[in-house]
Amino acid sequence: MKTKVLFTILCSMLWVGSIKAQLKVGDAHLDGIVAVLNADGKSGLIMQKSNMPKALNSLDAKNAVANLGTGWRYPTVQECTSMYKNNSILKIPATSYWTSSKYGTIGYVFTFSFQNGQSTTNSTVYLGKGNNTHSVRAVKPF
């Protein structure tokens, strides 16, 4: 009887120990912060812990994100919108950011403002000729 009770307690402890804590938006995870969480509660997007040190033009921003390593990229406008809705938790500075969402066929791309939650178009990002600067906060799926 004593052995059966100890076995039951041990199995219960192993089962409880194997349960992972549910992730939440704003949690530190891997090498970033959970920015968007999918319905399964186990996958989504992490974002960099902070913006790049300064606003960058399109070519410098593209190179800076590439230098972060595998999987890092600009967020889409849709992802930025989700992040904006959670900004009371994420505390992303209220400025404009580069996105990966393209507009038209001649090198336009959307930028996203965390000041008002709106996206606007910005030309020549993929041509590398733009002098406009915007902040960069890269994301990566997990």
N, C-alpha and C. Protein backbone atom coordinates (compact mmCIF):
# COMPACT_ATOMS: atom_id res chain seq x y z
N MET A 1 0.83 -1.19 0.00
CA MET A 1 0.00 0.00 0.00
C MET A 1 0.87 1.25 0.00
N LYS A 2 1.89 1.25 0.86
CA LYS A 2 2.79 2.38 0.96
C LYS A 2 3.49 2.63 -0.38
N THR A 3 3.90 1.57 -1.06
CA THR A 3 4.58 1.66 -2.35
C THR A 3 3.65 2.26 -3.39
N LYS A 4 2.38 1.83 -3.39
CA LYS A 4 1.41 2.34 -4.35
C LYS A 4 1.17 3.84 -4.14
N VAL A 5 1.08 4.30 -2.93
CA VAL A 5 0.88 5.71 -2.63
C VAL A 5 2.09 6.52 -3.09
N LEU A 6 3.29 6.04 -2.78
CA LEU A 6 4.50 6.74 -3.22
C LEU A 6 4.59 6.80 -4.74
N PHE A 7 4.24 5.72 -5.40
CA PHE A 7 4.25 5.68 -6.86
C PHE A 7 3.26 6.70 -7.42
N THR A 8 2.07 6.77 -6.86
CA THR A 8 1.05 7.72 -7.30
C THR A 8 1.52 9.16 -7.10
N ILE A 9 2.13 9.44 -5.98
CA ILE A 9 2.65 10.79 -5.70
C ILE A 9 3.75 11.14 -6.70
N LEU A 10 4.66 10.21 -6.94
CA LEU A 10 5.75 10.44 -7.87
C LEU A 10 5.22 10.70 -9.27
N CYS A 11 4.27 9.91 -9.73
CA CYS A 11 3.68 10.11 -11.06
C CYS A 11 3.00 11.47 -11.15
N SER A 12 2.31 11.87 -10.12
CA SER A 12 1.63 13.18 -10.10
C SER A 12 2.65 14.31 -10.19
N MET A 13 3.74 14.18 -9.48
CA MET A 13 4.78 15.21 -9.50
C MET A 13 5.41 15.30 -10.89
N LEU A 14 5.65 14.18 -11.54
CA LEU A 14 6.21 14.19 -12.89
C LEU A 14 5.25 14.82 -13.87
N TRP A 15 3.96 14.50 -13.75
CA TRP A 15 2.96 15.06 -14.66
C TRP A 15 2.86 16.57 -14.49
N VAL A 16 2.79 17.06 -13.26
CA VAL A 16 2.71 18.49 -12.99
C VAL A 16 3.98 19.19 -13.49
N GLY A 17 5.12 18.58 -13.30
CA GLY A 17 6.38 19.18 -13.74
C GLY A 17 6.50 19.26 -15.24
N SER A 18 5.76 18.42 -15.96
CA SER A 18 5.86 18.43 -17.42
C SER A 18 4.95 19.47 -18.07
N ILE A 19 4.04 20.05 -17.31
CA ILE A 19 3.14 21.07 -17.86
C ILE A 19 3.93 22.38 -18.01
N LYS A 20 3.93 22.91 -19.23
CA LYS A 20 4.61 24.18 -19.47
C LYS A 20 3.69 25.32 -19.09
N ALA A 21 4.27 26.36 -18.55
CA ALA A 21 3.48 27.54 -18.23
C ALA A 21 2.98 28.16 -19.53
N GLN A 22 1.76 28.64 -19.53
CA GLN A 22 1.17 29.27 -20.71
C GLN A 22 1.88 30.59 -20.98
N LEU A 23 2.31 30.79 -22.21
CA LEU A 23 2.93 32.06 -22.59
C LEU A 23 1.88 33.15 -22.66
N LYS A 24 2.32 34.38 -22.42
CA LYS A 24 1.45 35.55 -22.53
C LYS A 24 2.18 36.61 -23.34
N VAL A 25 1.43 37.47 -24.00
CA VAL A 25 2.01 38.62 -24.68
C VAL A 25 2.80 39.42 -23.65
N GLY A 26 4.02 39.79 -24.00
CA GLY A 26 4.88 40.56 -23.10
C GLY A 26 5.89 39.71 -22.36
N ASP A 27 5.72 38.37 -22.38
CA ASP A 27 6.68 37.48 -21.72
C ASP A 27 8.00 37.45 -22.48
N ALA A 28 9.11 37.36 -21.75
CA ALA A 28 10.40 37.10 -22.38
C ALA A 28 10.36 35.65 -22.88
N HIS A 29 10.79 35.46 -24.13
CA HIS A 29 10.76 34.11 -24.70
C HIS A 29 11.87 34.02 -25.74
N LEU A 30 12.68 32.96 -25.63
CA LEU A 30 13.82 32.77 -26.52
C LEU A 30 14.68 34.02 -26.48
N ASP A 31 14.93 34.65 -27.63
CA ASP A 31 15.78 35.85 -27.62
C ASP A 31 14.98 37.12 -27.91
N GLY A 32 13.72 37.14 -27.45
CA GLY A 32 12.89 38.31 -27.66
C GLY A 32 11.75 38.38 -26.65
N ILE A 33 10.69 39.09 -27.04
CA ILE A 33 9.50 39.27 -26.21
C ILE A 33 8.30 38.81 -27.02
N VAL A 34 7.39 38.05 -26.41
CA VAL A 34 6.20 37.59 -27.12
C VAL A 34 5.37 38.82 -27.50
N ALA A 35 5.22 38.99 -28.83
CA ALA A 35 4.48 40.15 -29.34
C ALA A 35 3.10 39.77 -29.84
N VAL A 36 2.99 38.59 -30.45
CA VAL A 36 1.73 38.08 -30.96
C VAL A 36 1.67 36.61 -30.58
N LEU A 37 0.55 36.20 -30.01
CA LEU A 37 0.38 34.81 -29.59
C LEU A 37 -0.77 34.20 -30.38
N ASN A 38 -0.51 33.07 -31.02
CA ASN A 38 -1.55 32.37 -31.76
C ASN A 38 -2.52 31.69 -30.80
N ALA A 39 -3.65 31.24 -31.33
CA ALA A 39 -4.70 30.64 -30.52
C ALA A 39 -4.23 29.42 -29.74
N ASP A 40 -3.23 28.70 -30.25
CA ASP A 40 -2.74 27.51 -29.55
C ASP A 40 -1.95 27.85 -28.29
N GLY A 41 -1.59 29.12 -28.12
CA GLY A 41 -0.85 29.55 -26.93
C GLY A 41 0.59 29.11 -26.90
N LYS A 42 1.05 28.46 -27.96
CA LYS A 42 2.42 27.93 -27.99
C LYS A 42 3.24 28.50 -29.14
N SER A 43 2.61 29.19 -30.07
CA SER A 43 3.32 29.74 -31.22
C SER A 43 2.87 31.17 -31.46
N GLY A 44 3.66 31.90 -32.21
CA GLY A 44 3.36 33.29 -32.51
C GLY A 44 4.59 34.01 -33.00
N LEU A 45 4.73 35.26 -32.57
CA LEU A 45 5.88 36.08 -32.95
C LEU A 45 6.55 36.63 -31.71
N ILE A 46 7.87 36.61 -31.74
CA ILE A 46 8.60 37.39 -30.74
C ILE A 46 9.12 38.62 -31.46
N MET A 47 9.34 39.69 -30.70
CA MET A 47 9.93 40.90 -31.25
C MET A 47 11.24 41.16 -30.52
N GLN A 48 12.07 41.99 -31.14
CA GLN A 48 13.30 42.41 -30.46
C GLN A 48 12.94 43.06 -29.14
N LYS A 49 13.85 42.97 -28.19
CA LYS A 49 13.59 43.55 -26.87
C LYS A 49 13.55 45.07 -26.90
N SER A 50 14.18 45.66 -27.89
CA SER A 50 14.15 47.12 -28.04
C SER A 50 14.32 47.46 -29.52
N ASN A 51 14.03 48.72 -29.85
CA ASN A 51 14.24 49.19 -31.22
C ASN A 51 15.73 49.18 -31.54
N MET A 52 16.04 49.22 -32.83
CA MET A 52 17.42 49.46 -33.24
C MET A 52 17.80 50.83 -32.66
N PRO A 53 19.09 51.07 -32.43
CA PRO A 53 19.51 52.29 -31.73
C PRO A 53 19.04 53.61 -32.33
N LYS A 54 18.81 53.64 -33.65
CA LYS A 54 18.34 54.88 -34.28
C LYS A 54 17.45 54.54 -35.46
N ALA A 55 16.70 55.53 -35.92
CA ALA A 55 15.88 55.35 -37.13
C ALA A 55 16.82 55.18 -38.32
N LEU A 56 16.42 54.32 -39.26
CA LEU A 56 17.28 53.98 -40.38
C LEU A 56 16.57 54.19 -41.71
N ASN A 57 17.36 54.49 -42.76
CA ASN A 57 16.77 54.53 -44.10
C ASN A 57 16.52 53.09 -44.54
N SER A 58 15.89 52.93 -45.68
CA SER A 58 15.44 51.60 -46.10
C SER A 58 16.58 50.61 -46.28
N LEU A 59 17.66 51.02 -46.90
CA LEU A 59 18.77 50.11 -47.15
C LEU A 59 19.47 49.71 -45.86
N ASP A 60 19.73 50.69 -45.00
CA ASP A 60 20.38 50.38 -43.72
C ASP A 60 19.50 49.50 -42.83
N ALA A 61 18.18 49.75 -42.88
CA ALA A 61 17.25 48.94 -42.08
C ALA A 61 17.25 47.50 -42.58
N LYS A 62 17.21 47.32 -43.88
CA LYS A 62 17.22 45.98 -44.47
C LYS A 62 18.48 45.22 -44.06
N ASN A 63 19.63 45.89 -44.11
CA ASN A 63 20.90 45.26 -43.72
C ASN A 63 20.94 44.95 -42.23
N ALA A 64 20.43 45.86 -41.42
CA ALA A 64 20.44 45.66 -39.96
C ALA A 64 19.61 44.44 -39.57
N VAL A 65 18.45 44.27 -40.19
CA VAL A 65 17.60 43.12 -39.89
C VAL A 65 18.27 41.83 -40.36
N ALA A 66 18.89 41.87 -41.53
CA ALA A 66 19.60 40.68 -42.04
C ALA A 66 20.71 40.27 -41.09
N ASN A 67 21.36 41.23 -40.45
CA ASN A 67 22.46 40.94 -39.53
C ASN A 67 22.00 40.36 -38.20
N LEU A 68 20.71 40.37 -37.92
CA LEU A 68 20.20 39.80 -36.67
C LEU A 68 20.26 38.28 -36.66
N GLY A 69 20.28 37.68 -37.84
CA GLY A 69 20.37 36.22 -37.92
C GLY A 69 19.11 35.59 -38.48
N THR A 70 19.11 34.28 -38.48
CA THR A 70 18.06 33.47 -39.09
C THR A 70 16.69 33.75 -38.47
N GLY A 71 15.72 33.97 -39.36
CA GLY A 71 14.32 34.09 -38.93
C GLY A 71 13.84 35.50 -38.66
N TRP A 72 14.74 36.43 -38.35
CA TRP A 72 14.33 37.80 -38.06
C TRP A 72 13.91 38.50 -39.35
N ARG A 73 12.84 39.31 -39.26
CA ARG A 73 12.31 40.04 -40.42
C ARG A 73 11.50 41.23 -39.93
N TYR A 74 11.09 42.08 -40.90
CA TYR A 74 10.14 43.14 -40.57
C TYR A 74 8.77 42.53 -40.32
N PRO A 75 7.98 43.10 -39.43
CA PRO A 75 6.59 42.64 -39.30
C PRO A 75 5.74 43.15 -40.46
N THR A 76 4.65 42.46 -40.74
CA THR A 76 3.67 42.94 -41.72
C THR A 76 2.81 44.02 -41.05
N VAL A 77 2.01 44.72 -41.86
CA VAL A 77 1.08 45.70 -41.29
C VAL A 77 0.09 44.99 -40.37
N GLN A 78 -0.40 43.82 -40.77
CA GLN A 78 -1.34 43.07 -39.95
C GLN A 78 -0.72 42.70 -38.60
N GLU A 79 0.53 42.27 -38.60
CA GLU A 79 1.21 41.94 -37.35
C GLU A 79 1.42 43.18 -36.49
N CYS A 80 1.77 44.30 -37.13
CA CYS A 80 1.91 45.56 -36.38
C CYS A 80 0.59 45.97 -35.74
N THR A 81 -0.51 45.76 -36.46
CA THR A 81 -1.83 46.08 -35.91
C THR A 81 -2.10 45.25 -34.66
N SER A 82 -1.77 43.97 -34.70
CA SER A 82 -1.93 43.11 -33.51
C SER A 82 -1.04 43.59 -32.37
N MET A 83 0.18 43.95 -32.70
CA MET A 83 1.11 44.44 -31.67
C MET A 83 0.60 45.77 -31.08
N TYR A 84 0.06 46.64 -31.94
CA TYR A 84 -0.48 47.92 -31.49
C TYR A 84 -1.62 47.70 -30.50
N LYS A 85 -2.48 46.72 -30.78
CA LYS A 85 -3.61 46.43 -29.87
C LYS A 85 -3.11 45.96 -28.50
N ASN A 86 -1.91 45.40 -28.46
CA ASN A 86 -1.32 44.94 -27.20
C ASN A 86 -0.27 45.90 -26.66
N ASN A 87 -0.26 47.13 -27.17
CA ASN A 87 0.84 48.03 -26.80
C ASN A 87 0.80 48.50 -25.35
N SER A 88 -0.34 48.36 -24.69
CA SER A 88 -0.37 48.70 -23.26
C SER A 88 0.52 47.73 -22.48
N ILE A 89 0.73 46.54 -23.04
CA ILE A 89 1.62 45.55 -22.43
C ILE A 89 3.03 45.66 -23.02
N LEU A 90 3.11 45.80 -24.36
CA LEU A 90 4.41 45.76 -25.04
C LEU A 90 5.24 47.03 -24.90
N LYS A 91 4.57 48.16 -24.76
CA LYS A 91 5.27 49.45 -24.58
C LYS A 91 6.21 49.78 -25.74
N ILE A 92 5.75 49.57 -26.97
CA ILE A 92 6.53 49.93 -28.15
C ILE A 92 6.48 51.44 -28.31
N PRO A 93 7.62 52.12 -28.44
CA PRO A 93 7.63 53.58 -28.55
C PRO A 93 6.75 54.09 -29.70
N ALA A 94 6.09 55.21 -29.46
CA ALA A 94 5.15 55.80 -30.41
C ALA A 94 5.89 56.53 -31.53
N THR A 95 6.31 55.77 -32.53
CA THR A 95 6.98 56.32 -33.70
C THR A 95 6.63 55.45 -34.89
N SER A 96 7.14 55.77 -36.07
CA SER A 96 6.82 54.96 -37.26
C SER A 96 7.89 53.91 -37.50
N TYR A 97 7.46 52.76 -38.03
CA TYR A 97 8.32 51.59 -38.21
C TYR A 97 8.21 51.07 -39.64
N TRP A 98 9.31 50.53 -40.15
CA TRP A 98 9.29 49.83 -41.43
C TRP A 98 8.48 48.54 -41.27
N THR A 99 7.74 48.17 -42.32
CA THR A 99 7.05 46.87 -42.36
C THR A 99 7.48 46.15 -43.64
N SER A 100 7.07 44.89 -43.75
CA SER A 100 7.37 44.11 -44.95
C SER A 100 6.22 44.15 -45.95
N SER A 101 5.15 44.85 -45.63
CA SER A 101 3.97 44.88 -46.51
C SER A 101 4.19 45.84 -47.68
N LYS A 102 4.14 45.27 -48.89
CA LYS A 102 4.36 46.06 -50.11
C LYS A 102 3.06 46.65 -50.61
N TYR A 103 3.21 47.75 -51.35
CA TYR A 103 2.07 48.42 -51.95
C TYR A 103 2.42 48.72 -53.40
N GLY A 104 1.63 48.22 -54.32
CA GLY A 104 1.90 48.47 -55.73
C GLY A 104 3.10 47.68 -56.23
N THR A 105 3.59 48.09 -57.38
CA THR A 105 4.67 47.34 -58.03
C THR A 105 5.95 48.14 -58.23
N ILE A 106 6.02 49.35 -57.73
CA ILE A 106 7.20 50.17 -58.02
C ILE A 106 8.04 50.48 -56.78
N GLY A 107 8.05 49.60 -55.82
CA GLY A 107 8.94 49.78 -54.68
C GLY A 107 8.33 50.46 -53.48
N TYR A 108 7.02 50.57 -53.43
CA TYR A 108 6.40 51.17 -52.25
C TYR A 108 6.23 50.13 -51.16
N VAL A 109 6.33 50.58 -49.93
CA VAL A 109 6.13 49.70 -48.78
C VAL A 109 5.36 50.49 -47.74
N PHE A 110 4.62 49.79 -46.91
CA PHE A 110 3.90 50.44 -45.83
C PHE A 110 4.82 50.65 -44.63
N THR A 111 4.63 51.77 -43.97
CA THR A 111 5.20 51.97 -42.64
C THR A 111 4.02 51.97 -41.67
N PHE A 112 4.31 51.76 -40.40
CA PHE A 112 3.24 51.67 -39.41
C PHE A 112 3.57 52.58 -38.24
N SER A 113 2.59 53.38 -37.83
CA SER A 113 2.78 54.31 -36.72
C SER A 113 2.23 53.71 -35.43
N PHE A 114 3.09 53.60 -34.43
CA PHE A 114 2.64 53.16 -33.11
C PHE A 114 2.14 54.36 -32.29
N GLN A 115 2.07 55.51 -32.92
CA GLN A 115 1.46 56.66 -32.27
C GLN A 115 -0.05 56.62 -32.44
N ASN A 116 -0.50 56.22 -33.66
CA ASN A 116 -1.95 56.22 -33.92
C ASN A 116 -2.49 54.91 -34.49
N GLY A 117 -1.65 53.91 -34.70
CA GLY A 117 -2.11 52.63 -35.22
C GLY A 117 -2.43 52.63 -36.70
N GLN A 118 -1.92 53.61 -37.44
CA GLN A 118 -2.21 53.73 -38.87
C GLN A 118 -1.00 53.33 -39.71
N SER A 119 -1.28 52.81 -40.90
CA SER A 119 -0.20 52.51 -41.85
C SER A 119 -0.26 53.50 -43.00
N THR A 120 0.91 53.81 -43.54
CA THR A 120 1.01 54.70 -44.70
C THR A 120 2.04 54.12 -45.65
N THR A 121 2.01 54.56 -46.91
CA THR A 121 2.98 54.05 -47.87
C THR A 121 4.23 54.90 -47.87
N ASN A 122 5.34 54.27 -48.20
CA ASN A 122 6.62 54.94 -48.27
C ASN A 122 7.36 54.37 -49.47
N SER A 123 7.86 55.24 -50.35
CA SER A 123 8.43 54.76 -51.61
C SER A 123 9.88 54.32 -51.49
N THR A 124 10.30 53.57 -52.45
CA THR A 124 11.69 53.18 -52.74
C THR A 124 12.38 52.31 -51.71
N VAL A 125 11.65 51.67 -50.84
CA VAL A 125 12.31 50.83 -49.85
C VAL A 125 13.08 49.69 -50.50
N TYR A 126 12.51 49.08 -51.53
CA TYR A 126 13.20 47.95 -52.14
C TYR A 126 14.20 48.39 -53.20
N LEU A 127 14.15 49.64 -53.59
CA LEU A 127 15.12 50.15 -54.54
C LEU A 127 16.37 50.64 -53.82
N GLY A 128 16.30 50.80 -52.53
CA GLY A 128 17.45 51.22 -51.74
C GLY A 128 17.83 52.66 -51.93
N LYS A 129 16.92 53.48 -52.45
CA LYS A 129 17.24 54.88 -52.73
C LYS A 129 16.56 55.84 -51.76
N GLY A 130 15.70 55.34 -50.91
CA GLY A 130 14.94 56.22 -50.04
C GLY A 130 15.79 56.81 -48.93
N ASN A 131 15.58 58.08 -48.66
CA ASN A 131 16.28 58.74 -47.57
C ASN A 131 15.42 58.85 -46.32
N ASN A 132 14.14 58.53 -46.43
CA ASN A 132 13.27 58.57 -45.26
C ASN A 132 13.77 57.57 -44.22
N THR A 133 13.71 57.96 -42.98
CA THR A 133 14.12 57.05 -41.91
C THR A 133 12.93 56.71 -41.03
N HIS A 134 12.93 55.47 -40.57
CA HIS A 134 11.90 54.98 -39.66
C HIS A 134 12.56 54.03 -38.68
N SER A 135 11.89 53.80 -37.58
CA SER A 135 12.42 52.87 -36.58
C SER A 135 12.29 51.43 -37.08
N VAL A 136 13.05 50.56 -36.45
CA VAL A 136 13.04 49.14 -36.80
C VAL A 136 12.87 48.33 -35.52
N ARG A 137 11.88 47.44 -35.53
CA ARG A 137 11.66 46.46 -34.46
C ARG A 137 11.34 45.15 -35.16
N ALA A 138 12.34 44.31 -35.32
CA ALA A 138 12.18 43.06 -36.07
C ALA A 138 11.40 42.03 -35.26
N VAL A 139 10.81 41.08 -35.98
CA VAL A 139 10.06 39.98 -35.37
C VAL A 139 10.57 38.65 -35.90
N LYS A 140 10.24 37.58 -35.18
CA LYS A 140 10.62 36.24 -35.61
C LYS A 140 9.56 35.27 -35.12
N PRO A 141 9.11 34.35 -35.99
CA PRO A 141 8.15 33.34 -35.55
C PRO A 141 8.74 32.36 -34.56
N PHE A 142 7.92 31.85 -33.66
CA PHE A 142 8.36 30.77 -32.77
C PHE A 142 7.32 29.68 -32.74
